[in-house]
C-alpha atoms as a PDB file:
ATOM      1  CA  MET A   1      -0.094  -0.048  -0.004  1.00  0.00           C
ATOM      2  CA  ALA A   2       2.691   2.534   0.900  1.00  0.00           C
ATOM      3  CA  THR A   3       4.500   1.522  -2.482  1.00  0.00           C
ATOM      4  CA  ILE A   4       1.230   2.339  -4.346  1.00  0.00           C
ATOM      5  CA  ALA A   5       0.526   5.500  -2.515  1.00  0.00           C
ATOM      6  CA  GLY A   6       4.034   6.692  -3.131  1.00  0.00           C
ATOM      7  CA  THR A   7       3.893   5.998  -6.782  1.00  0.00           C
ATOM      8  CA  PHE A   8       0.593   8.158  -6.927  1.00  0.00           C
ATOM      9  CA  ALA A   9       2.254  10.906  -5.166  1.00  0.00           C
ATOM     10  CA  GLY A  10       5.219  11.065  -7.597  1.00  0.00           C
ATOM     11  CA  ARG A  11       2.726  11.386 -10.282  1.00  0.00           C
ATOM     12  CA  GLU A  12       0.936  14.277  -8.664  1.00  0.00           C
ATOM     13  CA  GLN A  13       4.210  15.983  -8.002  1.00  0.00           C
ATOM     14  CA  ARG A  14       5.574  15.936 -11.390  1.00  0.00           C
ATOM     15  CA  GLY A  15       5.450  19.178 -12.943  1.00  0.00           C
ATOM     16  CA  ASP A  16       4.217  20.459 -16.130  1.00  0.00           C
ATOM     17  CA  ALA A  17       6.970  22.093 -18.266  1.00  0.00           C
ATOM     18  CA  LEU A  18       4.695  25.076 -19.496  1.00  0.00           C
ATOM     19  CA  SER A  19       2.725  25.684 -16.244  1.00  0.00           C
ATOM     20  CA  GLY A  20       4.583  24.543 -13.338  1.00  0.00           C
ATOM     21  CA  THR A  21       1.653  22.694 -12.221  1.00  0.00           C
ATOM     22  CA  PRO A  22       1.209  18.885 -11.768  1.00  0.00           C
ATOM     23  CA  ARG A  23       0.731  17.487 -15.288  1.00  0.00           C
ATOM     24  CA  SER A  24      -2.383  15.665 -14.273  1.00  0.00           C
ATOM     25  CA  HIS A  25      -4.403  18.903 -13.559  1.00  0.00           C
ATOM     26  CA  ALA A  26      -2.627  21.296 -15.964  1.00  0.00           C
ATOM     27  CA  ILE A  27      -4.576  20.737 -19.148  1.00  0.00           C
ATOM     28  CA  ASP A  28      -7.941  20.335 -16.972  1.00  0.00           C
ATOM     29  CA  ARG A  29      -7.646  23.878 -15.673  1.00  0.00           C
ATOM     30  CA  TRP A  30      -7.936  25.266 -19.108  1.00  0.00           C
ATOM     31  CA  ILE A  31     -11.253  24.604 -19.499  1.00  0.00           C
ATOM     32  CA  PHE A  32     -12.146  26.989 -16.517  1.00  0.00           C
ATOM     33  CA  VAL A  33     -10.301  29.734 -18.630  1.00  0.00           C
ATOM     34  CA  PHE A  34     -12.682  28.838 -21.781  1.00  0.00           C
ATOM     35  CA  MET A  35     -15.814  28.959 -19.341  1.00  0.00           C
ATOM     36  CA  ALA A  36     -14.704  32.446 -18.163  1.00  0.00           C
ATOM     37  CA  ALA A  37     -14.023  33.626 -21.501  1.00  0.00           C
ATOM     38  CA  TRP A  38     -17.369  32.077 -23.019  1.00  0.00           C
ATOM     39  CA  PHE A  39     -19.462  33.940 -20.045  1.00  0.00           C
ATOM     40  CA  ILE A  40     -18.053  37.205 -21.023  1.00  0.00           C
ATOM     41  CA  ALA A  41     -18.627  36.728 -24.717  1.00  0.00           C
ATOM     42  CA  ILE A  42     -22.300  35.939 -23.843  1.00  0.00           C
ATOM     43  CA  VAL A  43     -22.632  39.043 -21.802  1.00  0.00           C
ATOM     44  CA  LEU A  44     -21.096  41.143 -24.643  1.00  0.00           C
ATOM     45  CA  THR A  45     -23.308  39.335 -27.204  1.00  0.00           C
ATOM     46  CA  GLY A  46     -26.508  40.238 -25.070  1.00  0.00           C
ATOM     47  CA  PHE A  47     -25.857  43.695 -23.719  1.00  0.00           C
ATOM     48  CA  ILE A  48     -23.661  45.556 -26.360  1.00  0.00           C
ATOM     49  CA  PRO A  49     -26.671  45.747 -29.270  1.00  0.00           C
ATOM     50  CA  ASP A  50     -29.289  46.270 -26.168  1.00  0.00           C
ATOM     51  CA  SER A  51     -27.322  48.917 -24.757  1.00  0.00           C
ATOM     52  CA  VAL A  52     -26.770  50.834 -28.298  1.00  0.00           C
ATOM     53  CA  MET A  53     -30.379  50.576 -28.892  1.00  0.00           C
ATOM     54  CA  LYS A  54     -31.469  51.866 -25.657  1.00  0.00           C
ATOM     55  CA  VAL A  55     -29.082  55.002 -25.545  1.00  0.00           C
ATOM     56  CA  GLY A  56     -30.211  55.768 -28.979  1.00  0.00           C
ATOM     57  CA  MET A  57     -33.881  55.648 -27.378  1.00  0.00           C
ATOM     58  CA  VAL A  58     -32.712  57.983 -24.478  1.00  0.00           C
ATOM     59  CA  GLN A  59     -31.112  60.389 -26.922  1.00  0.00           C
ATOM     60  CA  ALA A  60     -34.146  60.355 -29.000  1.00  0.00           C
ATOM     61  CA  GLY A  61     -36.388  60.744 -26.023  1.00  0.00           C
ATOM     62  CA  GLY A  62     -38.065  57.669 -26.224  1.00  0.00           C
ATOM     63  CA  ARG A  63     -37.194  56.472 -22.743  1.00  0.00           C
ATOM     64  CA  PRO A  64     -36.142  57.826 -19.730  1.00  0.00           C
ATOM     65  CA  PRO A  65     -32.364  58.320 -18.738  1.00  0.00           C
ATOM     66  CA  PHE A  66     -30.272  55.343 -17.308  1.00  0.00           C
ATOM     67  CA  PRO A  67     -30.184  55.459 -13.419  1.00  0.00           C
ATOM     68  CA  PRO A  68     -26.770  55.650 -12.027  1.00  0.00           C
ATOM     69  CA  VAL A  69     -27.147  52.462 -10.166  1.00  0.00           C
ATOM     70  CA  LEU A  70     -27.503  50.724 -13.717  1.00  0.00           C
ATOM     71  CA  HIS A  71     -24.017  52.085 -14.799  1.00  0.00           C
ATOM     72  CA  MET A  72     -22.500  50.782 -11.613  1.00  0.00           C
ATOM     73  CA  HIS A  73     -24.076  47.234 -12.032  1.00  0.00           C
ATOM     74  CA  ALA A  74     -22.328  47.157 -15.371  1.00  0.00           C
ATOM     75  CA  VAL A  75     -19.103  48.111 -14.228  1.00  0.00           C
ATOM     76  CA  VAL A  76     -19.148  45.812 -11.273  1.00  0.00           C
ATOM     77  CA  MET A  77     -20.493  42.807 -13.266  1.00  0.00           C
ATOM     78  CA  GLY A  78     -18.013  43.412 -15.934  1.00  0.00           C
ATOM     79  CA  SER A  79     -14.950  43.908 -13.399  1.00  0.00           C
ATOM     80  CA  PHE A  80     -16.111  40.472 -11.621  1.00  0.00           C
ATOM     81  CA  LEU A  81     -16.060  38.579 -15.079  1.00  0.00           C
ATOM     82  CA  LEU A  82     -12.714  40.195 -15.822  1.00  0.00           C
ATOM     83  CA  VAL A  83     -11.385  38.806 -12.385  1.00  0.00           C
ATOM     84  CA  LEU A  84     -12.909  35.608 -13.020  1.00  0.00           C
ATOM     85  CA  LEU A  85     -11.141  35.234 -16.400  1.00  0.00           C
ATOM     86  CA  THR A  86      -8.007  36.562 -14.657  1.00  0.00           C
ATOM     87  CA  GLN A  87      -8.250  33.959 -11.781  1.00  0.00           C
ATOM     88  CA  THR A  88      -8.663  31.014 -14.135  1.00  0.00           C
ATOM     89  CA  TRP A  89      -5.743  32.091 -16.175  1.00  0.00           C
ATOM     90  CA  LEU A  90      -3.543  32.342 -13.192  1.00  0.00           C
ATOM     91  CA  MET A  91      -4.329  28.985 -12.044  1.00  0.00           C
ATOM     92  CA  ALA A  92      -4.035  27.233 -15.449  1.00  0.00           C
ATOM     93  CA  THR A  93      -0.301  28.812 -15.713  1.00  0.00           C
ATOM     94  CA  GLY A  94       0.535  27.855 -12.126  1.00  0.00           C
ATOM     95  CA  ARG A  95       0.465  31.119 -10.364  1.00  0.00           C
ATOM     96  CA  LYS A  96      -1.552  30.084  -7.298  1.00  0.00           C
ATOM     97  CA  ALA A  97       0.163  32.952  -4.786  1.00  0.00           C
ATOM     98  CA  LEU A  98      -0.998  35.841  -7.091  1.00  0.00           C
ATOM     99  CA  HIS A  99      -4.401  33.843  -7.616  1.00  0.00           C
ATOM    100  CA  MET A 100      -5.080  33.938  -4.018  1.00  0.00           C
ATOM    101  CA  GLN A 101      -4.263  37.612  -3.651  1.00  0.00           C
ATOM    102  CA  ILE A 102      -6.387  38.700  -6.532  1.00  0.00           C
ATOM    103  CA  GLY A 103      -9.261  36.424  -4.910  1.00  0.00           C
ATOM    104  CA  LEU A 104      -9.659  39.073  -2.255  1.00  0.00           C
ATOM    105  CA  LEU A 105     -10.849  41.516  -5.036  1.00  0.00           C
ATOM    106  CA  GLY A 106     -13.059  38.954  -6.532  1.00  0.00           C
ATOM    107  CA  MET A 107     -14.872  38.370  -3.239  1.00  0.00           C
ATOM    108  CA  ALA A 108     -14.950  42.149  -2.469  1.00  0.00           C
ATOM    109  CA  LEU A 109     -16.441  42.598  -6.361  1.00  0.00           C
ATOM    110  CA  ALA A 110     -19.107  39.667  -5.645  1.00  0.00           C
ATOM    111  CA  ALA A 111     -20.437  41.272  -2.727  1.00  0.00           C
ATOM    112  CA  LEU A 112     -20.480  44.571  -4.114  1.00  0.00           C
ATOM    113  CA  LEU A 113     -22.408  42.873  -7.156  1.00  0.00           C
ATOM    114  CA  VAL A 114     -25.244  41.580  -4.603  1.00  0.00           C
ATOM    115  CA  VAL A 115     -25.588  45.083  -2.822  1.00  0.00           C
ATOM    116  CA  VAL A 116     -25.922  46.715  -6.383  1.00  0.00           C
ATOM    117  CA  GLY A 117     -28.369  44.421  -7.566  1.00  0.00           C
ATOM    118  CA  ALA A 118     -30.476  44.762  -4.377  1.00  0.00           C
ATOM    119  CA  VAL A 119     -30.407  48.396  -5.135  1.00  0.00           C
ATOM    120  CA  LEU A 120     -31.139  48.119  -8.974  1.00  0.00           C
ATOM    121  CA  ALA A 121     -34.103  45.676  -9.079  1.00  0.00           C
ATOM    122  CA  PRO A 122     -36.320  48.307  -7.025  1.00  0.00           C
ATOM    123  CA  THR A 123     -34.735  51.112  -8.985  1.00  0.00           C
ATOM    124  CA  MET A 124     -36.015  49.666 -12.300  1.00  0.00           C
ATOM    125  CA  TYR A 125     -39.351  48.705 -10.741  1.00  0.00           C
ATOM    126  CA  TYR A 126     -39.892  52.587  -9.517  1.00  0.00           C
ATOM    127  CA  GLN A 127     -38.980  54.109 -12.220  1.00  0.00           C
ATOM    128  CA  THR A 128     -42.006  52.299 -14.263  1.00  0.00           C
ATOM    129  CA  TRP A 129     -44.050  52.852 -11.118  1.00  0.00           C
ATOM    130  CA  ASP A 130     -43.361  56.611 -10.956  1.00  0.00           C
ATOM    131  CA  ALA A 131     -43.865  56.805 -14.851  1.00  0.00           C
ATOM    132  CA  LEU A 132     -47.405  54.807 -14.515  1.00  0.00           C
ATOM    133  CA  GLN A 133     -48.656  57.246 -11.774  1.00  0.00           C
ATOM    134  CA  ALA A 134     -47.872  60.342 -13.895  1.00  0.00           C
ATOM    135  CA  ALA A 135     -49.140  59.230 -17.279  1.00  0.00           C
ATOM    136  CA  PRO A 136     -52.363  60.113 -18.800  1.00  0.00           C
ATOM    137  CA  PRO A 137     -55.031  57.728 -18.938  1.00  0.00           C
ATOM    138  CA  ALA A 138     -54.367  56.862 -22.882  1.00  0.00           C
ATOM    139  CA  GLN A 139     -50.705  55.721 -21.989  1.00  0.00           C
ATOM    140  CA  ARG A 140     -51.534  54.046 -18.723  1.00  0.00           C
ATOM    141  CA  GLY A 141     -52.664  50.489 -20.263  1.00  0.00           C
ATOM    142  CA  PRO A 142     -48.730  49.785 -21.758  1.00  0.00           C
ATOM    143  CA  LEU A 143     -46.979  50.915 -18.724  1.00  0.00           C
ATOM    144  CA  GLN A 144     -49.424  48.942 -16.302  1.00  0.00           C
ATOM    145  CA  GLN A 145     -48.427  46.091 -18.550  1.00  0.00           C
ATOM    146  CA  LEU A 146     -44.775  46.971 -18.326  1.00  0.00           C
ATOM    147  CA  LEU A 147     -44.941  47.121 -14.701  1.00  0.00           C
ATOM    148  CA  SER A 148     -46.526  43.511 -14.443  1.00  0.00           C
ATOM    149  CA  VAL A 149     -43.461  42.222 -16.512  1.00  0.00           C
ATOM    150  CA  ARG A 150     -41.196  44.049 -13.954  1.00  0.00           C
ATOM    151  CA  GLU A 151     -42.925  42.163 -11.122  1.00  0.00           C
ATOM    152  CA  ASN A 152     -42.600  38.661 -12.894  1.00  0.00           C
ATOM    153  CA  ILE A 153     -38.711  39.729 -13.572  1.00  0.00           C
ATOM    154  CA  LEU A 154     -38.476  40.567  -9.872  1.00  0.00           C
ATOM    155  CA  LEU A 155     -38.824  36.874  -9.276  1.00  0.00           C
ATOM    156  CA  LEU A 156     -35.809  36.307 -11.577  1.00  0.00           C
ATOM    157  CA  GLN A 157     -34.055  38.817  -9.749  1.00  0.00           C
ATOM    158  CA  LEU A 158     -34.755  37.721  -6.149  1.00  0.00           C
ATOM    159  CA  ARG A 159     -33.582  34.041  -7.288  1.00  0.00           C
ATOM    160  CA  VAL A 160     -30.274  35.332  -8.524  1.00  0.00           C
ATOM    161  CA  GLY A 161     -30.133  37.231  -5.203  1.00  0.00           C
ATOM    162  CA  LEU A 162     -30.181  34.061  -3.691  1.00  0.00           C
ATOM    163  CA  LEU A 163     -28.694  31.393  -5.809  1.00  0.00           C
ATOM    164  CA  PHE A 164     -25.528  33.567  -6.649  1.00  0.00           C
ATOM    165  CA  PRO A 165     -23.897  34.307  -3.200  1.00  0.00           C
ATOM    166  CA  LEU A 166     -25.142  30.841  -2.204  1.00  0.00           C
ATOM    167  CA  PHE A 167     -22.929  28.943  -4.768  1.00  0.00           C
ATOM    168  CA  LEU A 168     -20.468  31.417  -4.655  1.00  0.00           C
ATOM    169  CA  GLY A 169     -20.188  30.963  -0.660  1.00  0.00           C
ATOM    170  CA  LEU A 170     -20.257  27.121  -1.285  1.00  0.00           C
ATOM    171  CA  GLY A 171     -17.367  27.484  -3.804  1.00  0.00           C
ATOM    172  CA  LEU A 172     -15.148  29.743  -1.430  1.00  0.00           C
ATOM    173  CA  ARG A 173     -15.871  27.649   1.485  1.00  0.00           C
ATOM    174  CA  ALA A 174     -14.257  24.715  -0.457  1.00  0.00           C
ATOM    175  CA  ARG A 175     -10.891  26.587  -1.850  1.00  0.00           C
ATOM    176  CA  ARG A 176      -9.046  25.008   1.027  1.00  0.00           C
ATOM    177  CA  TRP A 177     -10.094  21.290   1.129  1.00  0.00           C
ATOM    178  CA  ASP A 178     -11.460  20.534  -2.360  1.00  0.00           C
ATOM    179  CA  ALA A 179     -10.056  22.752  -5.389  1.00  0.00           C
ATOM    180  CA  GLY A 180     -12.353  20.735  -7.795  1.00  0.00           C
ATOM    181  CA  LEU A 181     -15.604  21.752  -5.986  1.00  0.00           C
ATOM    182  CA  HIS A 182     -14.246  25.162  -5.546  1.00  0.00           C
ATOM    183  CA  LYS A 183     -13.734  26.153  -9.017  1.00  0.00           C
ATOM    184  CA  ARG A 184     -16.848  24.538 -10.320  1.00  0.00           C
ATOM    185  CA  MET A 185     -19.091  26.288  -7.893  1.00  0.00           C
ATOM    186  CA  ILE A 186     -17.583  29.525  -8.763  1.00  0.00           C
ATOM    187  CA  ILE A 187     -18.268  28.881 -12.421  1.00  0.00           C
ATOM    188  CA  LEU A 188     -21.630  27.551 -11.878  1.00  0.00           C
ATOM    189  CA  ALA A 189     -22.272  30.559  -9.563  1.00  0.00           C
ATOM    190  CA  THR A 190     -21.440  33.091 -12.109  1.00  0.00           C
ATOM    191  CA  ALA A 191     -23.886  31.349 -14.548  1.00  0.00           C
ATOM    192  CA  VAL A 192     -26.821  32.211 -12.657  1.00  0.00           C
ATOM    193  CA  PRO A 193     -26.701  35.984 -13.577  1.00  0.00           C
ATOM    194  CA  LEU A 194     -26.389  35.277 -17.271  1.00  0.00           C
ATOM    195  CA  GLY A 195     -30.386  34.899 -17.822  1.00  0.00           C
ATOM    196  CA  ALA A 196     -29.979  38.900 -17.992  1.00  0.00           C
ATOM    197  CA  ALA A 197     -27.968  38.626 -21.024  1.00  0.00           C
ATOM    198  CA  PHE A 198     -30.014  35.914 -22.667  1.00  0.00           C
ATOM    199  CA  ALA A 199     -33.219  38.046 -22.035  1.00  0.00           C
ATOM    200  CA  ARG A 200     -31.717  40.790 -24.458  1.00  0.00           C
ATOM    201  CA  MET A 201     -30.879  38.008 -27.313  1.00  0.00           C
ATOM    202  CA  THR A 202     -34.178  38.647 -28.939  1.00  0.00           C
ATOM    203  CA  TRP A 203     -33.139  36.137 -31.966  1.00  0.00           C
ATOM    204  CA  LEU A 204     -33.027  33.283 -29.816  1.00  0.00           C
ATOM    205  CA  PRO A 205     -36.168  31.207 -28.738  1.00  0.00           C
ATOM    206  CA  THR A 206     -37.900  32.523 -25.870  1.00  0.00           C
ATOM    207  CA  THR A 207     -40.714  32.052 -23.372  1.00  0.00           C
ATOM    208  CA  MET A 208     -40.534  35.546 -22.143  1.00  0.00           C
ATOM    209  CA  PRO A 209     -42.706  37.376 -20.873  1.00  0.00           C
ATOM    210  CA  TYR A 210     -44.840  34.348 -20.265  1.00  0.00           C
ATOM    211  CA  SER A 211     -42.367  32.632 -18.128  1.00  0.00           C
ATOM    212  CA  GLY A 212     -38.526  32.312 -17.476  1.00  0.00           C
ATOM    213  CA  THR A 213     -38.125  28.797 -18.670  1.00  0.00           C
ATOM    214  CA  SER A 214     -36.307  29.714 -21.755  1.00  0.00           C
ATOM    215  CA  LEU A 215     -33.577  31.804 -19.594  1.00  0.00           C
ATOM    216  CA  ASP A 216     -33.268  28.647 -17.305  1.00  0.00           C
ATOM    217  CA  VAL A 217     -32.563  26.448 -20.437  1.00  0.00           C
ATOM    218  CA  MET A 218     -30.153  28.803 -21.797  1.00  0.00           C
ATOM    219  CA  ILE A 219     -28.185  29.222 -18.562  1.00  0.00           C
ATOM    220  CA  VAL A 220     -27.896  25.256 -18.506  1.00  0.00           C
ATOM    221  CA  LEU A 221     -26.558  25.199 -21.668  1.00  0.00           C
ATOM    222  CA  ALA A 222     -23.951  27.854 -21.016  1.00  0.00           C
ATOM    223  CA  VAL A 223     -22.506  25.334 -18.209  1.00  0.00           C
ATOM    224  CA  ALA A 224     -22.919  22.396 -20.807  1.00  0.00           C
ATOM    225  CA  PRO A 225     -19.007  22.688 -21.897  1.00  0.00           C
ATOM    226  CA  MET A 226     -17.660  22.542 -18.637  1.00  0.00           C
ATOM    227  CA  PHE A 227     -20.038  19.537 -17.857  1.00  0.00           C
ATOM    228  CA  ALA A 228     -19.015  17.789 -21.031  1.00  0.00           C
ATOM    229  CA  TRP A 229     -15.619  17.999 -20.236  1.00  0.00           C
ATOM    230  CA  ASP A 230     -15.965  16.637 -16.959  1.00  0.00           C
ATOM    231  CA  VAL A 231     -17.960  13.682 -18.030  1.00  0.00           C
ATOM    232  CA  ILE A 232     -15.745  12.874 -20.923  1.00  0.00           C
ATOM    233  CA  ARG A 233     -12.414  13.712 -19.452  1.00  0.00           C
ATOM    234  CA  ASN A 234     -13.186  12.345 -15.839  1.00  0.00           C
ATOM    235  CA  ARG A 235     -15.777   9.667 -16.809  1.00  0.00           C
ATOM    236  CA  SER A 236     -17.930  11.013 -14.079  1.00  0.00           C
ATOM    237  CA  VAL A 237     -20.403  13.523 -12.965  1.00  0.00           C
ATOM    238  CA  HIS A 238     -18.590  15.616 -10.628  1.00  0.00           C
ATOM    239  CA  ARG A 239     -20.308  16.504  -7.140  1.00  0.00           C
ATOM    240  CA  ALA A 240     -20.460  20.124  -7.702  1.00  0.00           C
ATOM    241  CA  TYR A 241     -23.384  19.359 -10.453  1.00  0.00           C
ATOM    242  CA  TRP A 242     -25.264  17.324  -7.979  1.00  0.00           C
ATOM    243  CA  ILE A 243     -25.519  20.411  -5.571  1.00  0.00           C
ATOM    244  CA  TRP A 244     -25.841  22.944  -8.192  1.00  0.00           C
ATOM    245  CA  LEU A 245     -28.744  21.355 -10.448  1.00  0.00           C
ATOM    246  CA  PRO A 246     -31.376  20.197  -7.866  1.00  0.00           C
ATOM    247  CA  ILE A 247     -31.250  23.788  -6.109  1.00  0.00           C
ATOM    248  CA  TYR A 248     -31.375  25.477  -9.466  1.00  0.00           C
ATOM    249  CA  PHE A 249     -34.103  23.162 -10.719  1.00  0.00           C
ATOM    250  CA  VAL A 250     -36.333  23.472  -7.530  1.00  0.00           C
ATOM    251  CA  THR A 251     -36.031  27.170  -7.760  1.00  0.00           C
ATOM    252  CA  SER A 252     -36.828  27.077 -11.397  1.00  0.00           C
ATOM    253  CA  VAL A 253     -40.062  25.402 -10.755  1.00  0.00           C
ATOM    254  CA  ILE A 254     -41.011  27.482  -7.846  1.00  0.00           C
ATOM    255  CA  THR A 255     -40.436  30.432 -10.198  1.00  0.00           C
ATOM    256  CA  TRP A 256     -42.420  28.792 -12.795  1.00  0.00           C
ATOM    257  CA  LEU A 257     -45.502  28.154 -10.365  1.00  0.00           C
ATOM    258  CA  LEU A 258     -45.591  31.638  -9.165  1.00  0.00           C
ATOM    259  CA  TRP A 259     -45.058  33.687 -12.441  1.00  0.00           C
ATOM    260  CA  ASP A 260     -47.932  36.045 -13.303  1.00  0.00           C
ATOM    261  CA  THR A 261     -50.234  34.806 -10.745  1.00  0.00           C
ATOM    262  CA  PRO A 262     -52.504  37.238  -8.709  1.00  0.00           C
ATOM    263  CA  TRP A 263     -50.574  36.281  -5.402  1.00  0.00           C
ATOM    264  CA  TRP A 264     -47.199  36.719  -6.698  1.00  0.00           C
ATOM    265  CA  HIS A 265     -48.319  40.258  -8.389  1.00  0.00           C
ATOM    266  CA  ALA A 266     -49.651  41.232  -4.800  1.00  0.00           C
ATOM    267  CA  THR A 267     -46.421  40.054  -3.180  1.00  0.00           C
ATOM    268  CA  ALA A 268     -44.321  41.938  -5.157  1.00  0.00           C
ATOM    269  CA  GLN A 269     -46.373  45.239  -4.577  1.00  0.00           C
ATOM    270  CA  ALA A 270     -46.203  44.610  -0.844  1.00  0.00           C
ATOM    271  CA  ILE A 271     -42.303  44.007  -1.512  1.00  0.00           C
ATOM    272  CA  MET A 272     -41.902  47.335  -3.012  1.00  0.00           C
ATOM    273  CA  ARG A 273     -44.501  48.845  -0.712  1.00  0.00           C
ATOM    274  CA  VAL A 274     -46.658  50.412  -3.437  1.00  0.00           C
END
């Protein structure tokens, strides 16, 4: 037994010439770099055309200006994604010490992202509410419909506000004793807010505004490359997915059941205190 253990220990310690990390892990780590870059591509694809269009509407007087918190949310989310890409690249190239140092910045950005998101959701709701109260009778119908849509979207926002810090916390907690769980949970946590980007890709099949199901499917597809790599490369389903998927599925079903119900609209209005 000692001989066998020594043999595996020797294999684990044999460094990769390019990254300085154990050969058995060096290739695998690049999937996480790909996932971080893939998420950035999704966000840019969703938000750049949508933002350009809405800026034009603001300039033409077709919609109110963006609230400052929306700009702040964009900056914080973009910064978080860039830090994630940097972190995965540092680990792929064997720079663990720097990875741990920059990790403090990533945790601060994640906490700030939750706070900013908690401010952004009611801000956007109140913007529509205030417009509805000031609108002439002829314009109240479309605004009332938009407000109902925002109340349904609030379900998605609350879910993101719960799941993103939950999965991120599980990943951070595991960083000292389970590197595999740590890096997968960070990626899976980051996937949760991607629904906002997919919602802006109007050329994709969608169930919006009738339900958020299509966004849930898109998020699962977004993490599919990492899942497929795990199954093909490691010939198993990592336990990170067994943690993430049931929670994600259950909250998805709850969201689907509450979507556009009179009870939820009344609850949303009570939460917003209107």
